[in-house]
Structure formats: C-alpha cells, structure tokens
Amino acid sequence: MHIAFNGWFWDRPDTGSGQYVRRLLHALQEIDPDLLLTLVLPPHITEVDDLPSDVNLTHAPARFSGHLGKVWFEQFACPKAAANVGADLLHVPYWGSPLSSPLPVVVTVHDIITLAMPVYQGGVLARLYTSLVAAGARGASYVLTDSQASREEIVERLGIPDERVQVVWLAADERFHLRLGAERDAEVRARYNLPERFVLYLGGYDVRKNVHTLLLAYTYVGQAVGDEIPLVLAGRPPSRWGTDRFPDLPRYIEQLDIGGCVRWLGEVDEADKPSLYRLADVMVFPSRYEGFGLPVLEAMACGTPVVACDVSSIPEIVEDAAFLVDPDDARAMGGAILGILLQKPLADQLRNLGLGRATAFSWRKTAQETLAVYEKVLRAAGSAAE
C-alpha cells in the first residue's frame, strides 16, 4: 500500500494541521514499516525537518503564488504528483481536498468553523474557497474527523452520508508527560520569569477562544488571591487587536482593572510547552468551539488540572476529568479556578482523573484506525474496478 500526503502545512508545526500530519506520518511508519509513504510538498517548502526515515519526498510544481497558489496545489498539483509517484491513495490532512482526483482521496476535516461561526466566513473569496473545499469533501472517498461533535456537524452541514464519516481521535505527543522532561521545568520557569504559582492559558486569541470571558472570570479570582497567583497568557498574539475576529483584549484588561493579575507571555517555544503545563496550578481553556481541543489533552497528560467549557468536542474528550463550565458564565469559571487553587483535594482529584483519561489517547491508536480506513477505501476501489 502506497499512501501520499498533502504536505502544505508541513512547515507550520505551530498549527493543528501541521502537527497532525507530522505525528501521523511518524505513527504510521511505526505501526507498519512496510507501508510506502510519500509527502507531497509545495515548492515554497525547501527545508524539511522532522521527516521520518524512509518517507519519500516529492515537490509539486507551482503555477501561482499566494492564496491562488494554495488552491492550485490542492486541486491540481498535489493529486497529479501523488498519481505520478504511483500512490494508491491521497490523504489530505486538513479541509482542502480536490474536487477531482486520479486516485481515491481521504480527507481529515478537523472542524467546519467557517460554516459554524459567521465571523470566520470572511469575504467573497474566502466563502468561495469554503464552498470549493466543501464540495471536495463531499466527493472524497472517506472523511475523517477528530470528534463525534465534529462528525455530527459535518454530516448535517455538508450533507455527507454517515457511513463515509468516521471519528479518529487525535492524541497528545509523548513529550507531554507528568515526568518525562521534567528536569527542564526549572530552566523554563527561569526563562519566562514565571512565579511559583500561576494559572495558565495557552492558545490563540481569536473570538471563539473566548479569552474575554476568562479575563472577566479573573476579576473574581483576583478578589480572593490578588496578584499572588497571576493569569499567564501564552500564545502568539494577533498582528492587530480590535477586529471582529480578534477582540481588543489588552484594552479589556485595562477596563477590568486586572493588569496586576495578568501576565502576557507571548509566543512560546514548542519544546517549552510541556514544562509550562506542569508548572501551572491550573490550565484554563475557555474556548466555545473546538474540533478536538488538543491543549486540554496535553495539559491532562502533564498532570495539570483543567477548567474548560461544556461545549462542542470538549465534554467528549475530557469526560469527568476536567471542571466544565458554561462558556458565558464568568462567575462559574472564576469559581472553578478558585476551587482548584484553594482546595488541594479537588486539584489532586482532577490531576489523577486527567492523567487516567489521557491514557485513552495515543498516536499509535490514531494511526491504526487511520490505516484501517485506507484499507477500507482501497478495498472498495478494487471492488468497483472489477
């Protein structure tokens, strides 16, 4: 079996799609060393790191640049390159599958936020692109997605039959661990000048991440603990605050008068993330829409108690291993944070439940279930050709 992968996001390990294709390739090679794998890259990716051994590499030719170049790669160049290297199947690891392909296509649709939340739909060109990839997903041989919540949305909004959409859970990387790599924690604390105790948010700042509710929740936390246990905000800030997609959070902090309780960490090195989780007393993930919610799983795997919201995929992923609240209830969110900070038995309970829940997810399992889908698709293609 020879599987080709669309590698558009290979040089973006800071994104979910970039992490997904990297971890999946490694895991597939581990479970089946005889599996032929080829990564199809666009011309602009010239330096390739973290490529598993024995994975073939090919570049598809470019005809355009920018957004048009991405569409050309997805719709024409990548499928043709996959066929030229003799692949049996093309896996597109994000929502960008072609309308037509010379070989069967499996596409992973992590979420359909551009259909679920109008603020993400963008202008005319963005809406046209969403229509294009939606049609591509409908024509794919099989659709993979990260959670039952996403599967239900895909079936309903894209009109794809139930039997062609399957949930395959993601997993935290092995470096997210209670003890593995813990010898670096003191170094990371010093590098970022972190206090002895803090509450962590690690993620983006677009409107669906709901960080403004977390900030409001911290007005209640601050009344009890002052600035002794600050809220640390980690993650790349937007280039511009105060848009429909990126609310002006620095200004909101000023309005709430909680500047003394909030610390901006900014973008952090991927290698430092496990230590950040381990060092935090609580990780809060206030997002109101997720296809999976990988940071929640990463934090639990590191033994960090989690406060999150009872929406979209999150309840399915955490079950009873996190403190879940309404995404619009800042008082409840603040109470959950305080409960964990001030009640050691509650923190210990959530820590142990989180560690146990994290063991239900592994990239080996993800790869095995994905490989089973490849086999199913190729069996169906073989039967149709007879």
Protein backbone atom coordinates (compact mmCIF):
# COMPACT_ATOMS: atom_id res chain seq x y z
CA MET A 1 0.00 0.00 0.00
CA HIS A 2 1.37 3.39 -1.03
CA ILE A 3 -0.14 6.50 0.60
CA ALA A 4 0.63 10.06 -0.48
CA PHE A 5 0.07 13.01 1.84
CA ASN A 6 -0.69 16.62 1.05
CA GLY A 7 2.15 18.42 2.88
CA TRP A 8 1.02 22.05 2.59
CA PHE A 9 1.24 22.59 6.36
CA TRP A 10 4.49 20.66 6.93
CA ASP A 11 6.41 23.86 7.67
CA ARG A 12 3.77 25.01 10.19
CA PRO A 13 4.19 22.76 13.24
CA ASP A 14 2.66 25.60 15.26
CA THR A 15 -0.73 24.80 13.68
CA GLY A 16 -3.02 21.86 14.38
CA SER A 17 -2.84 20.67 10.77
CA GLY A 18 0.95 20.85 10.78
CA GLN A 19 1.23 18.86 13.99
CA TYR A 20 -1.31 16.33 12.75
CA VAL A 21 0.47 15.38 9.53
CA ARG A 22 3.86 15.13 11.28
CA ARG A 23 2.65 12.92 14.12
CA LEU A 24 0.53 10.76 11.82
CA LEU A 25 3.40 10.02 9.45
CA HIS A 26 5.67 9.02 12.32
CA ALA A 27 2.99 6.81 13.89
CA LEU A 28 2.06 5.11 10.60
CA GLN A 29 5.68 4.22 9.97
CA GLU A 30 5.99 2.77 13.47
CA ILE A 31 2.95 0.50 13.20
CA ASP A 32 3.71 -0.68 9.64
CA PRO A 33 7.33 -0.21 8.49
CA ASP A 34 6.46 -1.80 5.12
CA LEU A 35 3.90 0.90 4.34
CA LEU A 36 5.04 3.16 1.48
CA LEU A 37 4.59 6.83 2.38
CA THR A 38 5.19 9.89 0.21
CA LEU A 39 4.95 13.50 1.32
CA VAL A 40 3.92 15.88 -1.47
CA LEU A 41 5.19 19.40 -0.79
CA PRO A 42 4.54 22.75 -2.44
CA PRO A 43 7.59 24.43 -3.98
CA HIS A 44 7.97 27.05 -1.24
CA ILE A 45 8.87 24.40 1.38
CA THR A 46 12.53 23.83 0.67
CA GLU A 47 13.79 22.89 4.14
CA VAL A 48 12.19 19.74 5.54
CA ASP A 49 12.73 18.85 9.18
CA ASP A 50 11.31 16.03 11.31
CA LEU A 51 10.68 13.80 8.29
CA PRO A 52 10.50 10.13 9.30
CA SER A 53 13.12 7.86 7.82
CA ASP A 54 12.21 6.10 4.56
CA VAL A 55 9.36 8.51 3.80
CA ASN A 56 9.58 9.57 0.17
CA LEU A 57 9.55 13.26 -0.67
CA THR A 58 8.36 14.96 -3.83
CA HIS A 59 7.58 18.55 -4.77
CA ALA A 60 4.61 19.51 -6.90
CA PRO A 61 5.29 22.28 -9.45
CA ALA A 62 3.95 25.78 -8.84
CA ARG A 63 1.93 27.88 -11.22
CA PHE A 64 0.73 30.69 -8.95
CA SER A 65 1.67 32.25 -5.62
CA GLY A 66 -0.32 33.31 -2.56
CA HIS A 67 -3.84 32.04 -1.94
CA LEU A 68 -4.29 31.10 -5.59
CA GLY A 69 -1.14 29.01 -5.38
CA LYS A 70 -2.56 27.11 -2.41
CA VAL A 71 -5.77 26.37 -4.29
CA TRP A 72 -3.80 25.25 -7.35
CA PHE A 73 -1.67 22.94 -5.22
CA GLU A 74 -4.69 21.39 -3.51
CA GLN A 75 -6.88 20.99 -6.57
CA PHE A 76 -4.39 20.04 -9.29
CA ALA A 77 -0.69 19.85 -8.46
CA CYS A 78 -0.84 17.64 -5.37
CA PRO A 79 -3.25 14.98 -6.76
CA LYS A 80 -1.25 14.80 -10.00
CA ALA A 81 2.07 14.47 -8.14
CA ALA A 82 0.59 11.73 -5.95
CA ALA A 83 -0.53 9.81 -9.03
CA ASN A 84 2.86 10.32 -10.73
CA VAL A 85 4.74 8.65 -7.84
CA GLY A 86 2.41 5.64 -8.03
CA ALA A 87 0.45 6.20 -4.83
CA ASP A 88 -2.70 4.18 -4.30
CA LEU A 89 -4.43 6.85 -2.22
CA LEU A 90 -4.07 10.55 -1.34
CA HIS A 91 -4.64 11.70 2.23
CA VAL A 92 -5.34 15.41 2.63
CA PRO A 93 -4.80 16.07 6.36
CA TYR A 94 -6.91 19.24 6.52
CA TRP A 95 -10.05 20.61 4.92
CA GLY A 96 -8.64 21.12 1.43
CA SER A 97 -9.44 18.08 -0.70
CA PRO A 98 -9.68 18.32 -4.51
CA LEU A 99 -12.90 18.27 -6.50
CA SER A 100 -11.41 15.67 -8.80
CA SER A 101 -8.50 13.28 -8.33
CA PRO A 102 -6.91 10.47 -10.36
CA LEU A 103 -6.75 8.35 -7.19
CA PRO A 104 -9.01 7.86 -4.14
CA VAL A 105 -8.94 10.65 -1.54
CA VAL A 106 -9.27 10.54 2.24
CA VAL A 107 -9.65 13.97 3.82
CA THR A 108 -9.40 14.92 7.50
CA VAL A 109 -11.82 17.71 8.37
CA HIS A 110 -10.80 18.85 11.84
CA ASP A 111 -13.69 21.30 12.14
CA ILE A 112 -16.03 23.37 9.98
CA ILE A 113 -15.75 26.62 11.88
CA THR A 114 -16.21 28.73 8.73
CA LEU A 115 -19.73 27.30 8.46
CA ALA A 116 -20.49 27.14 12.19
CA MET A 117 -19.47 30.71 13.14
CA PRO A 118 -20.27 33.55 10.69
CA VAL A 119 -17.41 35.77 11.93
CA TYR A 120 -14.97 33.27 10.39
CA GLN A 121 -16.58 33.18 6.95
CA GLY A 122 -14.55 36.11 5.59
CA GLY A 123 -15.14 37.91 2.30
CA VAL A 124 -16.35 36.68 -1.05
CA LEU A 125 -13.13 34.86 -1.95
CA ALA A 126 -12.99 33.11 1.43
CA ARG A 127 -16.61 31.98 1.07
CA LEU A 128 -15.89 30.70 -2.43
CA TYR A 129 -12.96 28.70 -1.05
CA THR A 130 -15.17 27.21 1.67
CA SER A 131 -17.69 26.19 -0.99
CA LEU A 132 -14.90 24.62 -3.04
CA VAL A 133 -13.45 22.51 -0.21
CA ALA A 134 -16.93 21.58 0.99
CA ALA A 135 -17.67 20.18 -2.47
CA GLY A 136 -14.28 18.42 -2.41
CA ALA A 137 -15.12 16.77 0.92
CA ARG A 138 -18.46 15.57 -0.44
CA GLY A 139 -16.63 13.89 -3.31
CA ALA A 140 -13.91 12.29 -1.20
CA SER A 141 -13.90 8.55 -0.69
CA TYR A 142 -13.85 8.99 3.10
CA VAL A 143 -13.85 11.80 5.64
CA LEU A 144 -12.00 11.55 8.95
CA THR A 145 -12.68 13.93 11.80
CA ASP A 146 -11.47 14.41 15.36
CA SER A 147 -14.61 14.08 17.47
CA GLN A 148 -18.23 12.99 17.47
CA ALA A 149 -19.28 16.63 17.79
CA SER A 150 -17.43 17.47 14.56
CA ARG A 151 -18.79 14.36 12.84
CA GLU A 152 -22.38 15.38 13.56
CA GLU A 153 -21.74 18.86 12.17
CA ILE A 154 -20.08 17.50 9.04
CA VAL A 155 -22.95 15.13 8.33
CA GLU A 156 -25.54 17.84 8.93
CA ARG A 157 -23.91 20.86 7.30
CA LEU A 158 -22.05 19.18 4.42
CA GLY A 159 -24.65 16.53 3.73
CA ILE A 160 -22.13 13.68 3.65
CA PRO A 161 -23.61 10.23 4.40
CA ASP A 162 -22.97 8.83 7.90
CA GLU A 163 -21.15 5.80 6.57
CA ARG A 164 -18.44 7.94 4.91
CA VAL A 165 -17.50 9.98 8.01
CA GLN A 166 -15.50 8.40 10.83
CA VAL A 167 -14.17 9.74 14.11
CA VAL A 168 -10.47 9.10 14.73
CA TRP A 169 -9.28 10.79 17.90
CA LEU A 170 -6.01 12.70 18.00
CA ALA A 171 -3.51 12.35 20.85
CA ALA A 172 -1.00 14.38 22.78
CA ASP A 173 2.60 13.96 21.75
CA GLU A 174 4.64 11.70 24.04
CA ARG A 175 6.64 14.67 25.35
CA PHE A 176 3.51 15.86 27.18
CA HIS A 177 4.04 13.78 30.28
CA LEU A 178 3.96 14.14 34.06
CA ARG A 179 7.65 13.30 34.48
CA LEU A 180 9.30 12.94 31.07
CA GLY A 181 11.37 16.08 30.55
CA ALA A 182 10.54 17.48 33.98
CA GLU A 183 14.23 18.19 34.57
CA ARG A 184 13.77 21.20 32.23
CA ASP A 185 10.98 22.75 34.28
CA ALA A 186 13.23 24.93 36.46
CA GLU A 187 15.04 26.20 33.37
CA VAL A 188 11.74 27.08 31.67
CA ARG A 189 10.46 28.82 34.81
CA ALA A 190 13.60 30.97 34.86
CA ARG A 191 13.50 31.69 31.11
CA TYR A 192 9.97 33.09 31.25
CA ASN A 193 10.35 34.52 34.78
CA LEU A 194 7.33 32.55 35.97
CA PRO A 195 6.08 32.90 39.55
CA GLU A 196 5.83 29.98 41.95
CA ARG A 197 2.08 29.67 41.33
CA PHE A 198 0.05 30.75 38.30
CA VAL A 199 -2.98 29.95 36.16
CA LEU A 200 -2.20 29.25 32.51
CA TYR A 201 -3.98 29.97 29.26
CA LEU A 202 -2.14 28.64 26.19
CA GLY A 203 -3.69 29.15 22.78
CA GLY A 204 -4.96 31.71 20.28
CA TYR A 205 -6.82 34.96 20.86
CA ASP A 206 -9.49 34.86 18.18
CA VAL A 207 -13.07 35.35 19.32
CA ARG A 208 -14.02 31.66 19.54
CA LYS A 209 -11.25 31.12 22.10
CA ASN A 210 -13.40 33.17 24.49
CA VAL A 211 -10.45 34.66 26.38
CA HIS A 212 -12.52 37.73 27.26
CA THR A 213 -14.73 35.54 29.48
CA LEU A 214 -11.61 34.16 31.16
CA LEU A 215 -10.44 37.72 31.84
CA LEU A 216 -13.80 38.59 33.37
CA ALA A 217 -13.61 35.39 35.43
CA TYR A 218 -10.27 36.54 36.77
CA THR A 219 -11.86 39.57 38.37
CA TYR A 220 -13.43 37.08 40.81
CA VAL A 221 -10.18 35.15 41.21
CA GLY A 222 -8.22 38.33 41.83
CA GLN A 223 -10.57 39.37 44.64
CA ALA A 224 -9.53 36.22 46.52
CA VAL A 225 -5.84 35.80 45.66
CA GLY A 226 -4.81 39.25 44.47
CA ASP A 227 -1.77 39.27 42.21
CA GLU A 228 -0.05 36.42 44.09
CA ILE A 229 -1.36 33.85 41.57
CA PRO A 230 -1.47 35.65 38.21
CA LEU A 231 -3.13 34.61 35.00
CA VAL A 232 -0.40 33.87 32.45
CA LEU A 233 -1.45 34.28 28.81
CA ALA A 234 0.75 32.30 26.43
CA GLY A 235 0.45 32.09 22.68
CA ARG A 236 1.08 34.22 19.61
CA PRO A 237 -0.89 37.49 19.76
CA PRO A 238 -2.58 38.79 16.60
CA SER A 239 -0.94 41.42 14.42
CA ARG A 240 -3.82 43.76 15.24
CA TRP A 241 -6.30 43.87 18.10
CA GLY A 242 -9.82 45.25 17.92
CA THR A 243 -11.25 43.45 14.88
CA ASP A 244 -14.34 41.25 14.55
CA ARG A 245 -12.14 38.20 14.84
CA PHE A 246 -9.69 39.49 17.47
CA PRO A 247 -11.31 41.47 20.31
CA ASP A 248 -9.14 44.13 21.96
CA LEU A 249 -8.07 42.11 24.99
CA PRO A 250 -5.34 44.49 26.24
CA ARG A 251 -7.92 47.27 26.41
CA TYR A 252 -10.40 44.96 28.14
CA ILE A 253 -7.79 44.15 30.78
CA GLU A 254 -7.45 47.87 31.45
CA GLN A 255 -11.21 48.28 31.68
CA LEU A 256 -11.44 45.42 34.18
CA ASP A 257 -8.52 46.87 36.14
CA ILE A 258 -6.79 43.49 36.41
CA GLY A 259 -3.46 44.43 34.84
CA GLY A 260 -1.64 43.48 38.03
CA CYS A 261 -3.11 39.97 37.88
CA VAL A 262 -2.35 39.25 34.20
CA ARG A 263 0.97 38.50 32.55
CA TRP A 264 1.49 38.29 28.79
CA LEU A 265 3.98 35.59 27.85
CA GLY A 266 3.51 35.78 24.09
CA GLU A 267 4.58 33.02 21.73
CA VAL A 268 6.44 30.19 23.43
CA ASP A 269 8.78 27.56 22.04
CA GLU A 270 7.08 24.24 21.29
CA ALA A 271 9.71 22.45 23.38
CA ASP A 272 8.76 24.54 26.42
CA LYS A 273 5.04 23.79 26.38
CA PRO A 274 5.14 20.58 28.49
CA SER A 275 7.02 22.44 31.23
CA LEU A 276 4.53 25.33 31.14
CA TYR A 277 1.70 22.89 31.70
CA ARG A 278 3.49 21.08 34.52
CA LEU A 279 4.42 24.33 36.28
CA ALA A 280 0.88 25.75 36.19
CA ASP A 281 -1.56 25.21 39.06
CA VAL A 282 -4.48 25.22 36.61
CA MET A 283 -4.82 25.33 32.83
CA VAL A 284 -7.96 27.14 31.66
CA PHE A 285 -9.30 26.53 28.16
CA PRO A 286 -12.40 28.74 27.74
CA SER A 287 -12.95 28.02 24.02
CA ARG A 288 -16.55 27.85 22.83
CA TYR A 289 -15.80 25.83 19.66
CA GLU A 290 -13.19 23.13 19.01
CA GLY A 291 -12.86 20.26 16.60
CA PHE A 292 -10.90 18.38 19.24
CA GLY A 293 -9.21 20.59 21.85
CA LEU A 294 -5.65 19.27 21.92
CA PRO A 295 -4.33 21.70 24.59
CA VAL A 296 -6.79 20.23 27.09
CA LEU A 297 -5.44 16.73 26.47
CA GLU A 298 -1.83 17.95 26.57
CA ALA A 299 -2.41 19.59 29.96
CA MET A 300 -4.08 16.49 31.40
CA ALA A 301 -1.23 14.31 30.15
CA CYS A 302 1.16 16.60 32.07
CA GLY A 303 -0.86 16.20 35.27
CA THR A 304 -2.33 19.71 35.27
CA PRO A 305 -5.93 20.26 36.48
CA VAL A 306 -8.10 21.71 33.72
CA VAL A 307 -11.03 24.12 33.62
CA ALA A 308 -12.80 24.12 30.25
CA CYS A 309 -16.23 24.73 28.74
CA ASP A 310 -19.02 22.21 28.27
CA VAL A 311 -19.41 22.82 24.52
CA SER A 312 -18.54 21.20 21.17
CA SER A 313 -15.97 18.41 21.46
CA ILE A 314 -14.64 19.17 24.94
CA PRO A 315 -17.04 17.07 27.08
CA GLU A 316 -16.39 14.09 24.80
CA ILE A 317 -12.63 14.42 25.16
CA VAL A 318 -12.40 15.05 28.91
CA GLU A 319 -15.44 13.14 30.24
CA ASP A 320 -15.24 13.66 34.05
CA ALA A 321 -11.53 14.55 34.11
CA ALA A 322 -11.91 18.35 33.97
CA PHE A 323 -14.03 21.04 35.62
CA LEU A 324 -16.51 22.08 32.90
CA VAL A 325 -18.48 25.34 32.95
CA ASP A 326 -20.79 27.33 30.69
CA PRO A 327 -18.69 29.40 28.25
CA ASP A 328 -20.68 32.54 29.08
CA ASP A 329 -20.64 32.15 32.86
CA ALA A 330 -17.60 34.09 34.05
CA ARG A 331 -18.61 33.71 37.70
CA ALA A 332 -18.72 29.91 37.41
CA MET A 333 -15.39 29.90 35.57
CA GLY A 334 -13.82 32.02 38.28
CA GLY A 335 -15.28 29.75 40.94
CA ALA A 336 -13.85 26.67 39.25
CA ILE A 337 -10.39 28.24 39.08
CA LEU A 338 -10.57 29.27 42.74
CA GLY A 339 -11.81 25.86 43.79
CA ILE A 340 -8.76 24.20 42.28
CA LEU A 341 -6.35 26.83 43.61
CA LEU A 342 -7.68 26.70 47.16
CA GLN A 343 -8.77 23.07 47.56
CA LYS A 344 -5.89 20.64 47.24
CA PRO A 345 -8.13 17.52 47.32
CA LEU A 346 -10.06 18.85 44.30
CA ALA A 347 -6.83 19.67 42.45
CA ASP A 348 -5.41 16.23 43.22
CA GLN A 349 -8.61 14.51 42.10
CA LEU A 350 -8.67 16.35 38.77
CA ARG A 351 -4.96 15.73 38.28
CA ASN A 352 -5.40 11.97 38.74
CA LEU A 353 -8.55 11.82 36.61
CA GLY A 354 -6.81 13.78 33.85
CA LEU A 355 -3.78 11.51 33.84
CA GLY A 356 -6.06 8.48 33.61
CA ARG A 357 -8.18 9.96 30.83
CA ALA A 358 -5.10 10.92 28.78
CA THR A 359 -4.12 7.24 28.53
CA ALA A 360 -7.20 6.63 26.33
CA PHE A 361 -5.49 8.55 23.52
CA SER A 362 -2.34 7.60 21.61
CA TRP A 363 -0.90 8.30 18.20
CA ARG A 364 -0.43 4.55 17.74
CA LYS A 365 -4.19 4.10 18.08
CA THR A 366 -4.80 7.08 15.76
CA ALA A 367 -2.52 5.54 13.14
CA GLN A 368 -4.10 2.08 13.43
CA GLU A 369 -7.62 3.44 12.94
CA THR A 370 -6.48 5.65 10.05
CA LEU A 371 -4.74 2.72 8.36
CA ALA A 372 -7.96 0.70 8.67
CA VAL A 373 -9.77 3.45 6.75
CA TYR A 374 -7.13 3.39 3.99
CA GLU A 375 -7.62 -0.35 3.66
CA LYS A 376 -11.41 0.02 3.53
CA VAL A 377 -11.21 2.68 0.82
CA LEU A 378 -8.81 0.67 -1.32
CA ARG A 379 -10.91 -2.49 -0.97
CA ALA A 380 -13.95 -0.53 -2.14
CA ALA A 381 -11.98 0.96 -5.03
CA GLY A 382 -10.75 -2.51 -6.03
CA SER A 383 -14.26 -3.94 -5.95
CA ALA A 384 -15.58 -1.07 -8.06
CA ALA A 385 -12.85 -1.63 -10.66
CA GLU A 386 -13.71 -5.33 -11.08
